[in-house]
Amino acid sequence: MFIDVLIYVDDIVVAKNNDHVISTFKLSLNSKFKLRDIGSLRFFLGFELGRISKGISISQRCFTLQLLKDTSTLGAKPTSSPMECNLKLIKDKGVLLTDPTAYQSLIGKLIYLTITRPDITYDVNHLSQFLQTPRVPHLQATNRVLQYLKSTPGQRLFFPANTSPTVSAYAETSLSQANVLVSFFADADWAACQDTRRSVLGFCVFLSQSLISWKSKKQQVVSHSSAEAEYRAMENTTLEVTWILALFQDFGISPKIPSML
């Protein structure tokens, strides 16, 4: 049994797995403060949640459309990918932007959008490395991301209510108490950064069929080989999985066997 509370200014979001506990909690709060129960969560901080019997979906559709409107790209030609294949951006190549604040603000909004959009995580992470001195090629690549968002404004994550564990070919962790499976995979692009020759790592973590964690990040040191880059990607993935398993233990879910990568 658990109850989780998220408070933002005048709004309170409460998550629970027991109706009696939530009723008692709301009565307790109402005795101290004047509350208005607006029902199940639908919109919150730019997120749109849909709830059906098969599961819960979460998206940032309204936030995406507002971003396209603010950047005057609602009428832009949509693209099927967020970045050109094999595009290599360099920090000192291209004409400097006269006003870098617009680029910096746009990247900040795109970073917020990656909370529900793993499909643009790599591209936004790559473009965020040029915030200090953005140039025309960087802005052009960012506009390409906006064109991709134009074609997929309602892209969302779906978390099934009832799923059976399936074995992943990459890795697996069995959590017998909740009958769920954690699977994850990692990869690294050796010396992908043209300026520092550092490799870029990426990983995804699944809870059964639900994608719950992902990251694209430049490694902190230069790897001397592709094998070393892969090992560093595995290291970062292991740290993430270790944290997730510790979080599960806070909810009373204890893994019975070690994680395998």
C-alpha atoms as a PDB file:
ATOM      1  CA  MET A   1       0.000   0.000   0.000  1.00  0.00           C
ATOM      2  CA  PHE A   2       1.379   3.423  -0.885  1.00  0.00           C
ATOM      3  CA  ILE A   3       0.342   7.028  -1.236  1.00  0.00           C
ATOM      4  CA  ASP A   4       2.404   9.652  -3.034  1.00  0.00           C
ATOM      5  CA  VAL A   5       1.832  13.402  -3.046  1.00  0.00           C
ATOM      6  CA  LEU A   6       3.069  16.003  -5.525  1.00  0.00           C
ATOM      7  CA  ILE A   7       2.400  19.658  -4.659  1.00  0.00           C
ATOM      8  CA  TYR A   8       2.787  22.514  -7.166  1.00  0.00           C
ATOM      9  CA  VAL A   9       1.684  26.009  -6.055  1.00  0.00           C
ATOM     10  CA  ASP A  10      -2.054  25.573  -5.400  1.00  0.00           C
ATOM     11  CA  ASP A  11      -2.391  22.142  -7.030  1.00  0.00           C
ATOM     12  CA  ILE A  12      -1.926  18.808  -5.290  1.00  0.00           C
ATOM     13  CA  VAL A  13      -1.585  15.533  -7.194  1.00  0.00           C
ATOM     14  CA  VAL A  14      -2.074  12.380  -5.125  1.00  0.00           C
ATOM     15  CA  ALA A  15      -1.239   8.876  -6.354  1.00  0.00           C
ATOM     16  CA  LYS A  16      -2.501   5.807  -4.513  1.00  0.00           C
ATOM     17  CA  ASN A  17      -3.379   2.141  -4.796  1.00  0.00           C
ATOM     18  CA  ASN A  18      -6.069   2.065  -2.105  1.00  0.00           C
ATOM     19  CA  ASP A  19      -9.360   4.004  -2.290  1.00  0.00           C
ATOM     20  CA  HIS A  20      -9.879   3.979   1.476  1.00  0.00           C
ATOM     21  CA  VAL A  21      -6.463   5.483   2.129  1.00  0.00           C
ATOM     22  CA  ILE A  22      -7.015   8.270  -0.387  1.00  0.00           C
ATOM     23  CA  SER A  23     -10.399   9.141   1.124  1.00  0.00           C
ATOM     24  CA  THR A  24      -8.920   9.323   4.607  1.00  0.00           C
ATOM     25  CA  PHE A  25      -6.023  11.430   3.343  1.00  0.00           C
ATOM     26  CA  LYS A  26      -8.323  13.948   1.627  1.00  0.00           C
ATOM     27  CA  LEU A  27     -10.551  14.228   4.697  1.00  0.00           C
ATOM     28  CA  SER A  28      -7.479  14.890   6.823  1.00  0.00           C
ATOM     29  CA  LEU A  29      -6.280  17.642   4.491  1.00  0.00           C
ATOM     30  CA  ASN A  30      -9.754  19.144   4.223  1.00  0.00           C
ATOM     31  CA  SER A  31      -9.952  19.437   8.006  1.00  0.00           C
ATOM     32  CA  LYS A  32      -6.875  21.704   7.956  1.00  0.00           C
ATOM     33  CA  PHE A  33      -7.230  23.467   4.604  1.00  0.00           C
ATOM     34  CA  LYS A  34     -10.048  24.377   2.263  1.00  0.00           C
ATOM     35  CA  LEU A  35      -9.807  21.952  -0.682  1.00  0.00           C
ATOM     36  CA  ARG A  36     -11.632  21.416  -3.952  1.00  0.00           C
ATOM     37  CA  ASP A  37     -11.487  17.909  -5.386  1.00  0.00           C
ATOM     38  CA  ILE A  38     -11.437  18.164  -9.199  1.00  0.00           C
ATOM     39  CA  GLY A  39     -11.349  14.412  -9.780  1.00  0.00           C
ATOM     40  CA  SER A  40      -8.940  12.292 -11.762  1.00  0.00           C
ATOM     41  CA  LEU A  41      -5.821  13.911 -13.186  1.00  0.00           C
ATOM     42  CA  ARG A  42      -6.155  14.988 -16.826  1.00  0.00           C
ATOM     43  CA  PHE A  43      -3.947  18.054 -17.369  1.00  0.00           C
ATOM     44  CA  PHE A  44      -0.955  19.069 -15.271  1.00  0.00           C
ATOM     45  CA  LEU A  45       2.058  21.278 -16.076  1.00  0.00           C
ATOM     46  CA  GLY A  46       1.653  20.801 -19.814  1.00  0.00           C
ATOM     47  CA  PHE A  47       1.015  17.064 -19.563  1.00  0.00           C
ATOM     48  CA  GLU A  48      -2.129  15.420 -20.880  1.00  0.00           C
ATOM     49  CA  LEU A  49      -3.165  12.128 -19.303  1.00  0.00           C
ATOM     50  CA  GLY A  50      -5.657   9.684 -20.790  1.00  0.00           C
ATOM     51  CA  ARG A  51      -7.101   6.854 -18.753  1.00  0.00           C
ATOM     52  CA  ILE A  52      -8.870   3.801 -20.199  1.00  0.00           C
ATOM     53  CA  SER A  53      -9.428   0.272 -18.960  1.00  0.00           C
ATOM     54  CA  LYS A  54      -6.362  -0.964 -20.859  1.00  0.00           C
ATOM     55  CA  GLY A  55      -3.965   1.517 -19.274  1.00  0.00           C
ATOM     56  CA  ILE A  56      -2.801   5.120 -19.005  1.00  0.00           C
ATOM     57  CA  SER A  57      -1.288   7.313 -21.692  1.00  0.00           C
ATOM     58  CA  ILE A  58       0.668  10.521 -21.181  1.00  0.00           C
ATOM     59  CA  SER A  59       1.599  13.159 -23.732  1.00  0.00           C
ATOM     60  CA  GLN A  60       2.475  16.834 -24.104  1.00  0.00           C
ATOM     61  CA  ARG A  61       0.299  17.503 -27.131  1.00  0.00           C
ATOM     62  CA  CYS A  62      -0.976  20.908 -26.001  1.00  0.00           C
ATOM     63  CA  PHE A  63       2.538  21.977 -25.044  1.00  0.00           C
ATOM     64  CA  THR A  64       3.836  20.843 -28.448  1.00  0.00           C
ATOM     65  CA  LEU A  65       1.163  22.722 -30.374  1.00  0.00           C
ATOM     66  CA  GLN A  66       1.788  25.867 -28.335  1.00  0.00           C
ATOM     67  CA  LEU A  67       5.518  25.548 -29.028  1.00  0.00           C
ATOM     68  CA  LEU A  68       4.867  25.256 -32.766  1.00  0.00           C
ATOM     69  CA  LYS A  69       2.579  28.271 -32.579  1.00  0.00           C
ATOM     70  CA  ASP A  70       5.118  30.365 -30.675  1.00  0.00           C
ATOM     71  CA  THR A  71       7.839  29.538 -33.204  1.00  0.00           C
ATOM     72  CA  SER A  72       5.536  30.102 -36.217  1.00  0.00           C
ATOM     73  CA  THR A  73       6.087  26.559 -37.482  1.00  0.00           C
ATOM     74  CA  LEU A  74       2.497  25.341 -37.468  1.00  0.00           C
ATOM     75  CA  GLY A  75       2.485  25.801 -41.234  1.00  0.00           C
ATOM     76  CA  ALA A  76       5.937  24.303 -41.785  1.00  0.00           C
ATOM     77  CA  LYS A  77       6.476  21.239 -43.923  1.00  0.00           C
ATOM     78  CA  PRO A  78       6.565  18.160 -41.640  1.00  0.00           C
ATOM     79  CA  THR A  79       9.479  15.719 -41.718  1.00  0.00           C
ATOM     80  CA  SER A  80       9.676  12.025 -40.866  1.00  0.00           C
ATOM     81  CA  SER A  81      12.831  12.280 -38.725  1.00  0.00           C
ATOM     82  CA  PRO A  82      14.031  14.851 -36.167  1.00  0.00           C
ATOM     83  CA  MET A  83      17.562  15.123 -37.605  1.00  0.00           C
ATOM     84  CA  GLU A  84      19.266  14.481 -40.916  1.00  0.00           C
ATOM     85  CA  CYS A  85      21.092  11.181 -41.139  1.00  0.00           C
ATOM     86  CA  ASN A  86      24.837  11.417 -40.361  1.00  0.00           C
ATOM     87  CA  LEU A  87      24.602  15.137 -39.587  1.00  0.00           C
ATOM     88  CA  LYS A  88      27.745  16.302 -37.756  1.00  0.00           C
ATOM     89  CA  LEU A  89      27.413  19.657 -36.016  1.00  0.00           C
ATOM     90  CA  ILE A  90      30.549  21.503 -34.887  1.00  0.00           C
ATOM     91  CA  LYS A  91      30.797  24.207 -32.224  1.00  0.00           C
ATOM     92  CA  ASP A  92      32.814  26.733 -34.273  1.00  0.00           C
ATOM     93  CA  LYS A  93      31.397  26.151 -37.769  1.00  0.00           C
ATOM     94  CA  GLY A  94      28.812  28.590 -39.146  1.00  0.00           C
ATOM     95  CA  VAL A  95      27.674  32.154 -38.647  1.00  0.00           C
ATOM     96  CA  LEU A  96      26.961  33.204 -35.065  1.00  0.00           C
ATOM     97  CA  LEU A  97      23.350  34.059 -34.222  1.00  0.00           C
ATOM     98  CA  THR A  98      22.828  37.731 -33.438  1.00  0.00           C
ATOM     99  CA  ASP A  99      20.439  36.896 -30.592  1.00  0.00           C
ATOM    100  CA  PRO A 100      21.316  33.598 -28.860  1.00  0.00           C
ATOM    101  CA  THR A 101      18.531  33.939 -26.267  1.00  0.00           C
ATOM    102  CA  ALA A 102      15.852  32.761 -28.714  1.00  0.00           C
ATOM    103  CA  TYR A 103      17.832  29.593 -29.430  1.00  0.00           C
ATOM    104  CA  GLN A 104      18.483  29.013 -25.736  1.00  0.00           C
ATOM    105  CA  SER A 105      14.801  29.438 -24.874  1.00  0.00           C
ATOM    106  CA  LEU A 106      13.771  27.052 -27.636  1.00  0.00           C
ATOM    107  CA  ILE A 107      16.208  24.362 -26.496  1.00  0.00           C
ATOM    108  CA  GLY A 108      14.926  24.745 -22.930  1.00  0.00           C
ATOM    109  CA  LYS A 109      11.377  24.031 -24.090  1.00  0.00           C
ATOM    110  CA  LEU A 110      12.521  21.058 -26.146  1.00  0.00           C
ATOM    111  CA  ILE A 111      14.335  19.641 -23.118  1.00  0.00           C
ATOM    112  CA  TYR A 112      11.067  19.830 -21.179  1.00  0.00           C
ATOM    113  CA  LEU A 113       9.362  18.051 -24.057  1.00  0.00           C
ATOM    114  CA  THR A 114      11.764  15.091 -23.838  1.00  0.00           C
ATOM    115  CA  ILE A 115      10.008  14.041 -20.615  1.00  0.00           C
ATOM    116  CA  THR A 116       7.489  12.211 -22.797  1.00  0.00           C
ATOM    117  CA  ARG A 117       9.338  12.199 -26.125  1.00  0.00           C
ATOM    118  CA  PRO A 118      12.260   9.724 -26.125  1.00  0.00           C
ATOM    119  CA  ASP A 119      12.293   9.962 -29.935  1.00  0.00           C
ATOM    120  CA  ILE A 120      13.876  13.436 -29.799  1.00  0.00           C
ATOM    121  CA  THR A 121      16.100  12.918 -26.750  1.00  0.00           C
ATOM    122  CA  TYR A 122      19.316  12.329 -28.702  1.00  0.00           C
ATOM    123  CA  ASP A 123      18.756  15.302 -31.002  1.00  0.00           C
ATOM    124  CA  VAL A 124      17.877  17.738 -28.209  1.00  0.00           C
ATOM    125  CA  ASN A 125      20.839  16.584 -26.135  1.00  0.00           C
ATOM    126  CA  HIS A 126      23.114  17.155 -29.131  1.00  0.00           C
ATOM    127  CA  LEU A 127      21.709  20.624 -29.844  1.00  0.00           C
ATOM    128  CA  SER A 128      21.884  21.678 -26.193  1.00  0.00           C
ATOM    129  CA  GLN A 129      25.688  21.472 -26.347  1.00  0.00           C
ATOM    130  CA  PHE A 130      25.778  24.697 -28.399  1.00  0.00           C
ATOM    131  CA  LEU A 131      23.853  26.962 -26.030  1.00  0.00           C
ATOM    132  CA  GLN A 132      26.798  29.220 -25.275  1.00  0.00           C
ATOM    133  CA  THR A 133      27.578  30.186 -28.892  1.00  0.00           C
ATOM    134  CA  PRO A 134      24.734  28.981 -31.139  1.00  0.00           C
ATOM    135  CA  ARG A 135      25.235  29.329 -34.880  1.00  0.00           C
ATOM    136  CA  VAL A 136      23.057  29.171 -37.971  1.00  0.00           C
ATOM    137  CA  PRO A 137      23.575  25.405 -38.607  1.00  0.00           C
ATOM    138  CA  HIS A 138      22.498  24.693 -35.032  1.00  0.00           C
ATOM    139  CA  LEU A 139      19.322  26.731 -35.476  1.00  0.00           C
ATOM    140  CA  GLN A 140      18.589  24.992 -38.782  1.00  0.00           C
ATOM    141  CA  ALA A 141      18.910  21.601 -37.094  1.00  0.00           C
ATOM    142  CA  THR A 142      16.578  22.804 -34.322  1.00  0.00           C
ATOM    143  CA  ASN A 143      13.997  23.866 -36.910  1.00  0.00           C
ATOM    144  CA  ARG A 144      14.199  20.343 -38.301  1.00  0.00           C
ATOM    145  CA  VAL A 145      13.174  19.023 -34.867  1.00  0.00           C
ATOM    146  CA  LEU A 146      10.195  21.402 -34.906  1.00  0.00           C
ATOM    147  CA  GLN A 147       9.206  20.121 -38.348  1.00  0.00           C
ATOM    148  CA  TYR A 148       9.308  16.586 -36.969  1.00  0.00           C
ATOM    149  CA  LEU A 149       7.121  17.638 -34.035  1.00  0.00           C
ATOM    150  CA  LYS A 150       4.689  19.100 -36.572  1.00  0.00           C
ATOM    151  CA  SER A 151       4.216  15.587 -37.995  1.00  0.00           C
ATOM    152  CA  THR A 152       3.883  13.931 -34.542  1.00  0.00           C
ATOM    153  CA  PRO A 153       2.309  16.426 -32.096  1.00  0.00           C
ATOM    154  CA  GLY A 154       0.281  13.781 -30.259  1.00  0.00           C
ATOM    155  CA  GLN A 155       3.045  11.227 -29.756  1.00  0.00           C
ATOM    156  CA  ARG A 156       2.523   9.686 -26.337  1.00  0.00           C
ATOM    157  CA  LEU A 157       3.718   7.060 -23.895  1.00  0.00           C
ATOM    158  CA  PHE A 158       1.350   4.244 -22.992  1.00  0.00           C
ATOM    159  CA  PHE A 159       1.493   2.253 -19.775  1.00  0.00           C
ATOM    160  CA  PRO A 160      -0.635  -0.929 -19.997  1.00  0.00           C
ATOM    161  CA  ALA A 161      -2.719  -1.855 -16.974  1.00  0.00           C
ATOM    162  CA  ASN A 162      -2.274  -5.604 -17.368  1.00  0.00           C
ATOM    163  CA  THR A 163       0.765  -7.051 -19.084  1.00  0.00           C
ATOM    164  CA  SER A 164       2.540 -10.362 -18.858  1.00  0.00           C
ATOM    165  CA  PRO A 165       6.342 -10.443 -18.457  1.00  0.00           C
ATOM    166  CA  THR A 166       8.309 -11.053 -21.625  1.00  0.00           C
ATOM    167  CA  VAL A 167      11.988 -11.940 -21.721  1.00  0.00           C
ATOM    168  CA  SER A 168      14.224  -9.368 -23.380  1.00  0.00           C
ATOM    169  CA  ALA A 169      17.187 -10.434 -25.481  1.00  0.00           C
ATOM    170  CA  TYR A 170      19.248  -7.667 -23.894  1.00  0.00           C
ATOM    171  CA  ALA A 171      18.681  -7.955 -20.166  1.00  0.00           C
ATOM    172  CA  GLU A 172      16.099  -8.906 -17.591  1.00  0.00           C
ATOM    173  CA  THR A 173      15.284  -8.521 -13.937  1.00  0.00           C
ATOM    174  CA  SER A 174      12.531 -10.581 -12.358  1.00  0.00           C
ATOM    175  CA  LEU A 175      10.482  -9.000  -9.598  1.00  0.00           C
ATOM    176  CA  SER A 176       8.407 -11.898  -8.351  1.00  0.00           C
ATOM    177  CA  GLN A 177       6.272 -10.017  -5.823  1.00  0.00           C
ATOM    178  CA  ALA A 178       4.657  -7.817  -8.472  1.00  0.00           C
ATOM    179  CA  ASN A 179       5.009 -10.251 -11.378  1.00  0.00           C
ATOM    180  CA  VAL A 180       6.781  -7.657 -13.498  1.00  0.00           C
ATOM    181  CA  LEU A 181       9.908  -7.589 -15.578  1.00  0.00           C
ATOM    182  CA  VAL A 182      12.518  -4.886 -15.950  1.00  0.00           C
ATOM    183  CA  SER A 183      14.425  -5.024 -19.218  1.00  0.00           C
ATOM    184  CA  PHE A 184      16.947  -2.562 -20.556  1.00  0.00           C
ATOM    185  CA  PHE A 185      19.505  -2.082 -23.295  1.00  0.00           C
ATOM    186  CA  ALA A 186      22.367   0.317 -23.797  1.00  0.00           C
ATOM    187  CA  ASP A 187      24.515   1.501 -26.661  1.00  0.00           C
ATOM    188  CA  ALA A 188      27.327   3.970 -27.339  1.00  0.00           C
ATOM    189  CA  ASP A 189      28.427   5.901 -30.423  1.00  0.00           C
ATOM    190  CA  TRP A 190      32.217   5.953 -30.288  1.00  0.00           C
ATOM    191  CA  ALA A 191      33.849   9.404 -30.671  1.00  0.00           C
ATOM    192  CA  ALA A 192      30.568  10.881 -31.904  1.00  0.00           C
ATOM    193  CA  CYS A 193      31.324  14.425 -30.686  1.00  0.00           C
ATOM    194  CA  GLN A 194      33.316  16.232 -33.369  1.00  0.00           C
ATOM    195  CA  ASP A 195      34.658  18.829 -30.915  1.00  0.00           C
ATOM    196  CA  THR A 196      35.793  16.652 -27.987  1.00  0.00           C
ATOM    197  CA  ARG A 197      35.926  13.142 -29.549  1.00  0.00           C
ATOM    198  CA  ARG A 198      33.852  11.875 -26.655  1.00  0.00           C
ATOM    199  CA  SER A 199      31.393   9.070 -27.210  1.00  0.00           C
ATOM    200  CA  VAL A 200      27.640   9.402 -26.808  1.00  0.00           C
ATOM    201  CA  LEU A 201      25.791   6.827 -24.726  1.00  0.00           C
ATOM    202  CA  GLY A 202      22.125   5.963 -24.765  1.00  0.00           C
ATOM    203  CA  PHE A 203      19.909   3.565 -22.859  1.00  0.00           C
ATOM    204  CA  CYS A 204      16.272   2.650 -22.335  1.00  0.00           C
ATOM    205  CA  VAL A 205      14.716   0.882 -19.365  1.00  0.00           C
ATOM    206  CA  PHE A 206      11.418  -0.989 -19.631  1.00  0.00           C
ATOM    207  CA  LEU A 207       9.070  -2.135 -16.903  1.00  0.00           C
ATOM    208  CA  SER A 208       7.413  -5.064 -18.626  1.00  0.00           C
ATOM    209  CA  GLN A 209       6.211  -3.374 -21.859  1.00  0.00           C
ATOM    210  CA  SER A 210       6.327   0.174 -20.487  1.00  0.00           C
ATOM    211  CA  LEU A 211       9.220   2.506 -21.219  1.00  0.00           C
ATOM    212  CA  ILE A 212      10.007   4.189 -17.905  1.00  0.00           C
ATOM    213  CA  SER A 213      13.517   5.641 -18.298  1.00  0.00           C
ATOM    214  CA  TRP A 214      15.786   6.736 -21.142  1.00  0.00           C
ATOM    215  CA  LYS A 215      18.823   8.929 -21.670  1.00  0.00           C
ATOM    216  CA  SER A 216      21.201  10.196 -24.327  1.00  0.00           C
ATOM    217  CA  LYS A 217      24.364  11.755 -22.930  1.00  0.00           C
ATOM    218  CA  LYS A 218      27.933  12.526 -23.903  1.00  0.00           C
ATOM    219  CA  GLN A 219      30.395  10.493 -21.870  1.00  0.00           C
ATOM    220  CA  GLN A 220      32.578  12.357 -19.383  1.00  0.00           C
ATOM    221  CA  VAL A 221      35.913  11.073 -20.696  1.00  0.00           C
ATOM    222  CA  VAL A 222      37.368  10.089 -24.068  1.00  0.00           C
ATOM    223  CA  SER A 223      37.150   6.349 -24.721  1.00  0.00           C
ATOM    224  CA  HIS A 224      40.188   4.848 -26.438  1.00  0.00           C
ATOM    225  CA  SER A 225      38.166   2.176 -28.244  1.00  0.00           C
ATOM    226  CA  SER A 226      34.620   1.301 -29.162  1.00  0.00           C
ATOM    227  CA  ALA A 227      34.697  -1.500 -26.586  1.00  0.00           C
ATOM    228  CA  GLU A 228      35.581   0.978 -23.844  1.00  0.00           C
ATOM    229  CA  ALA A 229      32.723   3.230 -24.959  1.00  0.00           C
ATOM    230  CA  GLU A 230      30.317   0.282 -24.752  1.00  0.00           C
ATOM    231  CA  TYR A 231      31.506  -0.606 -21.247  1.00  0.00           C
ATOM    232  CA  ARG A 232      30.977   2.961 -20.094  1.00  0.00           C
ATOM    233  CA  ALA A 233      27.439   2.861 -21.525  1.00  0.00           C
ATOM    234  CA  MET A 234      26.824  -0.349 -19.585  1.00  0.00           C
ATOM    235  CA  GLU A 235      28.144   1.341 -16.437  1.00  0.00           C
ATOM    236  CA  ASN A 236      25.705   4.242 -16.749  1.00  0.00           C
ATOM    237  CA  THR A 237      22.833   1.874 -17.469  1.00  0.00           C
ATOM    238  CA  THR A 238      23.709  -0.195 -14.411  1.00  0.00           C
ATOM    239  CA  LEU A 239      23.602   2.913 -12.231  1.00  0.00           C
ATOM    240  CA  GLU A 240      20.146   3.776 -13.574  1.00  0.00           C
ATOM    241  CA  VAL A 241      18.798   0.259 -13.058  1.00  0.00           C
ATOM    242  CA  THR A 242      20.242   0.160  -9.535  1.00  0.00           C
ATOM    243  CA  TRP A 243      18.394   3.380  -8.700  1.00  0.00           C
ATOM    244  CA  ILE A 244      15.133   2.056 -10.185  1.00  0.00           C
ATOM    245  CA  LEU A 245      15.380  -1.182  -8.205  1.00  0.00           C
ATOM    246  CA  ALA A 246      15.970   0.859  -5.038  1.00  0.00           C
ATOM    247  CA  LEU A 247      12.845   2.865  -5.866  1.00  0.00           C
ATOM    248  CA  PHE A 248      10.873  -0.376  -6.249  1.00  0.00           C
ATOM    249  CA  GLN A 249      12.000  -1.432  -2.790  1.00  0.00           C
ATOM    250  CA  ASP A 250      10.530   1.797  -1.401  1.00  0.00           C
ATOM    251  CA  PHE A 251       7.193   0.584  -2.784  1.00  0.00           C
ATOM    252  CA  GLY A 252       7.634  -2.825  -1.178  1.00  0.00           C
ATOM    253  CA  ILE A 253       8.819  -4.643  -4.311  1.00  0.00           C
ATOM    254  CA  SER A 254      11.993  -6.600  -3.643  1.00  0.00           C
ATOM    255  CA  PRO A 255      13.877  -8.310  -6.496  1.00  0.00           C
ATOM    256  CA  LYS A 256      14.733 -11.948  -5.799  1.00  0.00           C
ATOM    257  CA  ILE A 257      17.608 -12.333  -8.283  1.00  0.00           C
ATOM    258  CA  PRO A 258      20.386  -9.960  -9.428  1.00  0.00           C
ATOM    259  CA  SER A 259      19.908  -7.790 -12.476  1.00  0.00           C
ATOM    260  CA  MET A 260      21.534  -9.004 -15.671  1.00  0.00           C
ATOM    261  CA  LEU A 261      23.006  -6.747 -18.359  1.00  0.00           C
END
